[in-house]
Amino acid sequence: MPDMEESTQPKPADPELPNGAGDPDQPSPAAAEAPAAEEVAAAEEVPARSEPPKGAGTNADGWRPYTMGELLGEAAAAGRSDFAADGNGAGSATPERSSQDSLQLSTHHDVAMDLINSVTGVDEEGRSRQRILTFAAKRYISAIERNPEDPDAYYNWALVLQESADNVDPNSDSSKDSLLEEACKKYAEATRLCPTLYDAYYNWAIAIADRAKMRGRTKEAEELWQQAIRNYDKAVQLSWNSPQALNNWGLGLQELSAIVPAKDKQTIIKTAISKFRSAIQLQFDFHRAIYNLGTVLVCFLGLFDSD
């Protein structure tokens, strides 16, 4: 079996803890209506789906993706102030939009919010985590309603949906798939608004891959793997020095090779080999990529044995 795709924070050679979430022992006074103190502290422990590659700061548009710890810590600290005056924060302008556009936007948010509200978690830790995610979701919906052209808000909203999918009861695939589908829609909107968001393409690909895994070796799974591969391709175009994206790209190709007709397998597996090798060249001690390279080489040799 190939190693699993990195569906949580990619792990560089020197892992870093999520930062920017604040000191959980010193809650902001503005957090009076935020989740309980222990839940605020838990925001530090919620892993981000991705972080910028080593040495990366802001992108060409000056945007730096936050970690999930930062996002949830900030959401918990915001409390009452962010939702005062009908959600219009100080200094924010609400763009003029037609009532039809507003209704459509609200409907989309209602669907996603209903899905998040349906997630309860399987234990106390899961329930605490989900309360924080629900609070954060409301914040990003408010941000989008204030400014529907904000790619950051759509990206963060997608992260919350994707993290909520991981918190679903393992026996509830339909709910998980629906959350991932909604997350994909938010990533699509974020990248439409800002086409240079590496993290959005990377995490979008992971969400699509998770949906593909639920469908076995079907035609629908094949189409989803192809979508995920295209997004990994785009992520690598935006950040060529990301071994995690290259490794996951290789895994997606390997999964696709198990579904396509025999005549297409060899080309796809050769491409997967090249992605794993590129990941290892960037990070020589990337053990997952080394393991995955070994498994795909075995698959490649098996093609000739079957002949």
Protein backbone atom coordinates (compact mmCIF):
# COMPACT_ATOMS: atom_id res chain seq x y z
CA MET A 1 0.00 0.00 0.00
CA PRO A 2 1.34 3.46 -0.77
CA ASP A 3 1.72 5.87 2.09
CA MET A 4 -1.33 8.00 2.78
CA GLU A 5 -1.66 11.45 1.30
CA GLU A 6 -0.77 14.19 3.69
CA SER A 7 -4.21 15.33 4.67
CA THR A 8 -3.01 17.35 7.61
CA GLN A 9 -0.27 19.92 7.90
CA PRO A 10 2.65 19.02 5.62
CA LYS A 11 5.66 18.18 7.75
CA PRO A 12 8.92 19.87 6.74
CA ALA A 13 12.27 18.64 8.04
CA ASP A 14 11.89 20.86 11.11
CA PRO A 15 8.19 20.80 12.07
CA GLU A 16 6.75 23.97 13.52
CA LEU A 17 3.80 24.29 15.85
CA PRO A 18 0.90 26.46 14.68
CA ASN A 19 1.58 30.04 15.63
CA GLY A 20 -0.40 33.21 15.99
CA ALA A 21 -3.21 31.66 17.97
CA GLY A 22 -2.35 33.62 21.07
CA ASP A 23 -1.76 32.49 24.63
CA PRO A 24 -4.63 30.22 25.66
CA ASP A 25 -4.08 31.16 29.32
CA GLN A 26 -4.75 34.84 28.60
CA PRO A 27 -8.04 35.06 26.67
CA SER A 28 -9.02 38.36 25.12
CA PRO A 29 -11.73 40.33 26.97
CA ALA A 30 -13.57 40.47 23.63
CA ALA A 31 -14.07 36.72 23.75
CA ALA A 32 -16.90 36.84 26.29
CA GLU A 33 -19.26 35.08 23.91
CA ALA A 34 -16.63 32.89 22.27
CA PRO A 35 -16.28 29.15 23.02
CA ALA A 36 -15.26 28.08 26.53
CA ALA A 37 -11.69 28.71 27.69
CA GLU A 38 -10.61 25.10 27.24
CA GLU A 39 -11.93 25.20 23.65
CA VAL A 40 -9.93 28.34 22.92
CA ALA A 41 -6.84 26.54 24.15
CA ALA A 42 -7.72 23.61 21.90
CA ALA A 43 -7.39 25.89 18.88
CA GLU A 44 -3.64 25.57 19.31
CA GLU A 45 -3.96 21.83 18.79
CA VAL A 46 -6.03 21.87 15.59
CA PRO A 47 -3.59 21.15 12.74
CA ALA A 48 -3.55 23.26 9.64
CA ARG A 49 -3.97 21.52 6.34
CA SER A 50 -0.96 23.18 4.82
CA GLU A 51 1.70 25.73 5.40
CA PRO A 52 3.84 27.68 2.94
CA PRO A 53 6.93 25.85 1.66
CA LYS A 54 10.17 26.51 3.49
CA GLY A 55 11.44 30.01 2.97
CA ALA A 56 8.09 31.20 1.64
CA GLY A 57 6.55 34.39 2.95
CA THR A 58 3.76 36.15 1.13
CA ASN A 59 2.90 35.27 -2.43
CA ALA A 60 3.08 37.58 -5.42
CA ASP A 61 -0.13 39.27 -4.31
CA GLY A 62 1.12 39.81 -0.76
CA TRP A 63 -1.09 37.08 0.72
CA ARG A 64 0.19 34.73 3.39
CA PRO A 65 -1.95 31.71 4.27
CA TYR A 66 -2.71 31.20 7.94
CA THR A 67 -2.42 27.94 9.80
CA MET A 68 -5.62 26.46 11.20
CA GLY A 69 -4.34 27.20 14.71
CA GLU A 70 -4.06 30.88 13.80
CA LEU A 71 -7.47 30.93 12.21
CA LEU A 72 -9.28 29.27 15.10
CA GLY A 73 -7.36 31.15 17.77
CA GLU A 74 -8.24 34.41 16.07
CA ALA A 75 -11.86 33.34 15.70
CA ALA A 76 -12.12 32.44 19.37
CA ALA A 77 -10.51 35.72 20.42
CA ALA A 78 -12.75 37.79 18.18
CA GLY A 79 -15.90 36.93 20.12
CA ARG A 80 -18.66 39.44 20.30
CA SER A 81 -16.91 42.29 18.46
CA ASP A 82 -16.90 40.58 15.06
CA PHE A 83 -20.63 39.99 15.05
CA ALA A 84 -21.76 43.27 16.59
CA ALA A 85 -23.91 45.58 14.49
CA ASP A 86 -25.25 42.76 12.31
CA GLY A 87 -21.82 41.48 11.47
CA ASN A 88 -20.48 44.73 10.00
CA GLY A 89 -17.14 45.30 11.69
CA ALA A 90 -15.59 48.70 12.03
CA GLY A 91 -13.91 49.89 8.90
CA SER A 92 -15.60 47.32 6.69
CA ALA A 93 -17.71 48.22 3.73
CA THR A 94 -20.56 46.06 2.51
CA PRO A 95 -20.48 45.97 -1.30
CA GLU A 96 -23.75 46.66 -3.04
CA ARG A 97 -25.28 43.49 -4.44
CA SER A 98 -28.61 42.59 -5.92
CA SER A 99 -31.14 40.86 -3.69
CA GLN A 100 -30.99 37.81 -5.99
CA ASP A 101 -27.20 37.53 -5.58
CA SER A 102 -27.54 37.94 -1.83
CA LEU A 103 -30.19 35.23 -1.67
CA GLN A 104 -28.07 32.82 -3.73
CA LEU A 105 -25.00 33.48 -1.56
CA SER A 106 -27.04 33.00 1.61
CA THR A 107 -28.48 29.73 0.32
CA HIS A 108 -25.03 28.34 -0.42
CA HIS A 109 -23.85 29.27 3.06
CA ASP A 110 -26.97 27.77 4.65
CA VAL A 111 -26.28 24.41 2.99
CA ALA A 112 -22.66 24.35 4.17
CA MET A 113 -23.56 25.59 7.65
CA ASP A 114 -26.25 22.92 8.01
CA LEU A 115 -23.65 20.29 7.19
CA ILE A 116 -21.24 21.68 9.80
CA ASN A 117 -23.99 21.83 12.41
CA SER A 118 -24.75 18.17 11.75
CA VAL A 119 -21.22 17.14 12.81
CA THR A 120 -21.07 16.25 16.51
CA GLY A 121 -17.76 14.43 16.83
CA VAL A 122 -17.32 10.91 18.15
CA ASP A 123 -15.90 11.83 21.57
CA GLU A 124 -15.48 14.83 23.86
CA GLU A 125 -12.32 15.96 22.10
CA GLY A 126 -14.12 15.80 18.77
CA ARG A 127 -17.10 17.71 20.11
CA SER A 128 -14.87 20.43 21.53
CA ARG A 129 -12.99 20.67 18.25
CA GLN A 130 -16.23 20.92 16.30
CA ARG A 131 -17.56 23.75 18.48
CA ILE A 132 -14.46 25.75 17.59
CA LEU A 133 -14.83 24.92 13.90
CA THR A 134 -18.49 25.96 13.97
CA PHE A 135 -17.60 29.28 15.58
CA ALA A 136 -14.90 29.88 12.96
CA ALA A 137 -17.33 28.99 10.15
CA LYS A 138 -19.76 31.69 11.27
CA ARG A 139 -16.95 34.19 11.26
CA TYR A 140 -15.90 33.44 7.69
CA ILE A 141 -19.48 33.54 6.46
CA SER A 142 -19.77 36.99 8.03
CA ALA A 143 -16.54 38.06 6.31
CA ILE A 144 -17.81 36.84 2.91
CA GLU A 145 -21.13 38.60 3.38
CA ARG A 146 -19.24 41.83 4.05
CA ASN A 147 -16.95 41.30 1.08
CA PRO A 148 -17.86 38.57 -1.43
CA GLU A 149 -14.60 39.21 -3.30
CA ASP A 150 -12.34 38.19 -0.40
CA PRO A 151 -10.27 35.10 -1.37
CA ASP A 152 -8.89 34.73 2.17
CA ALA A 153 -12.38 34.27 3.61
CA TYR A 154 -13.30 31.61 1.03
CA TYR A 155 -10.00 29.78 1.63
CA ASN A 156 -10.51 29.82 5.40
CA TRP A 157 -14.15 28.72 5.02
CA ALA A 158 -12.98 25.80 2.88
CA LEU A 159 -10.43 24.79 5.53
CA VAL A 160 -13.13 24.71 8.20
CA LEU A 161 -15.36 22.53 6.02
CA GLN A 162 -12.47 20.19 5.24
CA GLU A 163 -11.46 19.89 8.88
CA SER A 164 -15.10 19.25 9.83
CA ALA A 165 -15.17 16.38 7.33
CA ASP A 166 -12.31 14.77 9.27
CA ASN A 167 -14.43 15.08 12.41
CA VAL A 168 -17.39 13.14 11.01
CA ASP A 169 -18.35 9.74 12.42
CA PRO A 170 -16.38 7.16 10.39
CA ASN A 171 -19.62 5.36 9.55
CA SER A 172 -21.11 8.45 7.88
CA ASP A 173 -19.44 8.64 4.47
CA SER A 174 -22.30 10.60 2.90
CA SER A 175 -21.95 13.48 5.36
CA LYS A 176 -18.18 13.54 4.95
CA ASP A 177 -18.45 13.57 1.17
CA SER A 178 -20.94 16.44 1.26
CA LEU A 179 -18.64 18.52 3.48
CA LEU A 180 -15.70 17.85 1.18
CA GLU A 181 -17.80 18.78 -1.84
CA GLU A 182 -18.69 22.11 -0.21
CA ALA A 183 -15.03 22.68 0.68
CA CYS A 184 -14.10 22.14 -2.97
CA LYS A 185 -16.60 24.80 -4.02
CA LYS A 186 -15.02 27.31 -1.62
CA TYR A 187 -11.50 26.49 -2.83
CA ALA A 188 -12.69 26.96 -6.41
CA GLU A 189 -14.03 30.40 -5.52
CA ALA A 190 -10.86 31.35 -3.63
CA THR A 191 -8.66 30.44 -6.59
CA ARG A 192 -10.99 32.23 -8.99
CA LEU A 193 -10.58 35.41 -6.97
CA CYS A 194 -6.83 34.92 -6.48
CA PRO A 195 -5.28 32.40 -8.91
CA THR A 196 -1.91 32.37 -7.11
CA LEU A 197 -3.03 30.70 -3.86
CA TYR A 198 -0.73 27.69 -3.66
CA ASP A 199 -2.30 26.43 -0.42
CA ALA A 200 -5.80 26.57 -1.87
CA TYR A 201 -4.84 24.37 -4.84
CA TYR A 202 -2.91 21.98 -2.56
CA ASN A 203 -5.72 21.53 -0.03
CA TRP A 204 -8.36 21.46 -2.76
CA ALA A 205 -6.49 18.53 -4.32
CA ILE A 206 -6.47 16.70 -0.97
CA ALA A 207 -10.23 17.21 -0.59
CA ILE A 208 -10.85 15.84 -4.09
CA ALA A 209 -8.55 12.88 -3.41
CA ASP A 210 -10.46 12.08 -0.22
CA ARG A 211 -13.69 12.05 -2.22
CA ALA A 212 -12.10 9.76 -4.82
CA LYS A 213 -11.03 7.25 -2.16
CA MET A 214 -14.67 6.80 -1.12
CA ARG A 215 -15.58 5.63 -4.63
CA GLY A 216 -13.19 2.73 -5.11
CA ARG A 217 -12.13 1.92 -8.65
CA THR A 218 -15.05 3.48 -10.47
CA LYS A 219 -15.34 5.88 -13.39
CA GLU A 220 -16.36 8.62 -10.98
CA ALA A 221 -13.23 7.96 -8.90
CA GLU A 222 -11.09 8.14 -12.04
CA GLU A 223 -12.50 11.58 -12.88
CA LEU A 224 -11.89 12.80 -9.33
CA TRP A 225 -8.29 11.55 -9.33
CA GLN A 226 -7.72 13.41 -12.59
CA GLN A 227 -9.09 16.59 -11.00
CA ALA A 228 -6.84 16.15 -7.95
CA ILE A 229 -3.80 15.61 -10.19
CA ARG A 230 -4.54 18.82 -12.10
CA ASN A 231 -4.68 20.75 -8.83
CA TYR A 232 -1.39 19.26 -7.60
CA ASP A 233 0.09 20.26 -10.94
CA LYS A 234 -1.12 23.82 -10.43
CA ALA A 235 0.17 23.88 -6.85
CA VAL A 236 3.64 22.81 -8.02
CA GLN A 237 3.58 25.44 -10.76
CA LEU A 238 2.97 28.06 -8.07
CA SER A 239 5.52 26.58 -5.64
CA TRP A 240 8.03 24.28 -7.33
CA ASN A 241 9.89 23.66 -4.03
CA SER A 242 7.05 21.79 -2.30
CA PRO A 243 8.00 18.13 -1.75
CA GLN A 244 4.60 17.48 -0.14
CA ALA A 245 2.71 18.51 -3.28
CA LEU A 246 5.02 16.43 -5.47
CA ASN A 247 4.60 13.39 -3.21
CA ASN A 248 0.82 13.70 -3.22
CA TRP A 249 0.85 14.24 -6.98
CA GLY A 250 2.72 10.95 -7.32
CA LEU A 251 0.20 9.20 -5.05
CA GLY A 252 -2.68 10.51 -7.12
CA LEU A 253 -1.06 9.20 -10.28
CA GLN A 254 -0.45 5.84 -8.63
CA GLU A 255 -4.12 5.59 -7.61
CA LEU A 256 -5.19 6.59 -11.11
CA SER A 257 -2.99 3.90 -12.66
CA ALA A 258 -5.00 1.25 -10.81
CA ILE A 259 -8.21 2.37 -12.53
CA VAL A 260 -7.27 3.25 -16.12
CA PRO A 261 -7.06 0.70 -18.97
CA ALA A 262 -3.88 -1.36 -19.15
CA LYS A 263 -2.56 0.53 -22.18
CA ASP A 264 -2.38 3.76 -20.11
CA LYS A 265 -0.84 2.35 -16.94
CA GLN A 266 2.83 2.45 -17.91
CA THR A 267 2.84 6.14 -18.84
CA ILE A 268 1.03 7.13 -15.66
CA ILE A 269 3.30 5.06 -13.40
CA LYS A 270 6.41 6.51 -15.07
CA THR A 271 5.09 9.99 -14.32
CA ALA A 272 4.40 9.01 -10.69
CA ILE A 273 8.01 7.77 -10.37
CA SER A 274 9.28 11.13 -11.60
CA LYS A 275 7.17 13.02 -9.03
CA PHE A 276 8.41 10.93 -6.10
CA ARG A 277 12.01 11.37 -7.28
CA SER A 278 11.53 15.14 -7.55
CA ALA A 279 10.11 15.24 -4.01
CA ILE A 280 13.13 13.32 -2.69
CA GLN A 281 15.54 15.62 -4.53
CA LEU A 282 13.98 18.56 -2.69
CA GLN A 283 13.98 16.77 0.70
CA PHE A 284 16.40 13.85 0.81
CA ASP A 285 15.03 12.56 4.15
CA PHE A 286 11.39 12.59 3.03
CA HIS A 287 10.72 9.02 4.15
CA ARG A 288 7.15 8.89 2.88
CA ALA A 289 8.23 9.79 -0.63
CA ILE A 290 11.05 7.24 -0.47
CA TYR A 291 8.60 4.53 0.60
CA ASN A 292 6.10 5.55 -2.07
CA LEU A 293 8.82 5.48 -4.73
CA GLY A 294 9.61 1.91 -3.71
CA THR A 295 5.99 0.81 -3.99
CA VAL A 296 5.47 2.42 -7.39
CA LEU A 297 8.67 0.85 -8.73
CA VAL A 298 7.32 -2.55 -7.69
CA CYS A 299 4.10 -1.75 -9.56
CA PHE A 300 6.13 -0.74 -12.61
CA LEU A 301 8.09 -4.01 -12.60
CA GLY A 302 4.82 -5.89 -12.17
CA LEU A 303 3.60 -4.53 -15.50
CA PHE A 304 6.39 -6.44 -17.27
CA ASP A 305 5.88 -9.61 -15.21
CA SER A 306 2.24 -9.67 -16.27
CA ASP A 307 3.32 -9.50 -19.91
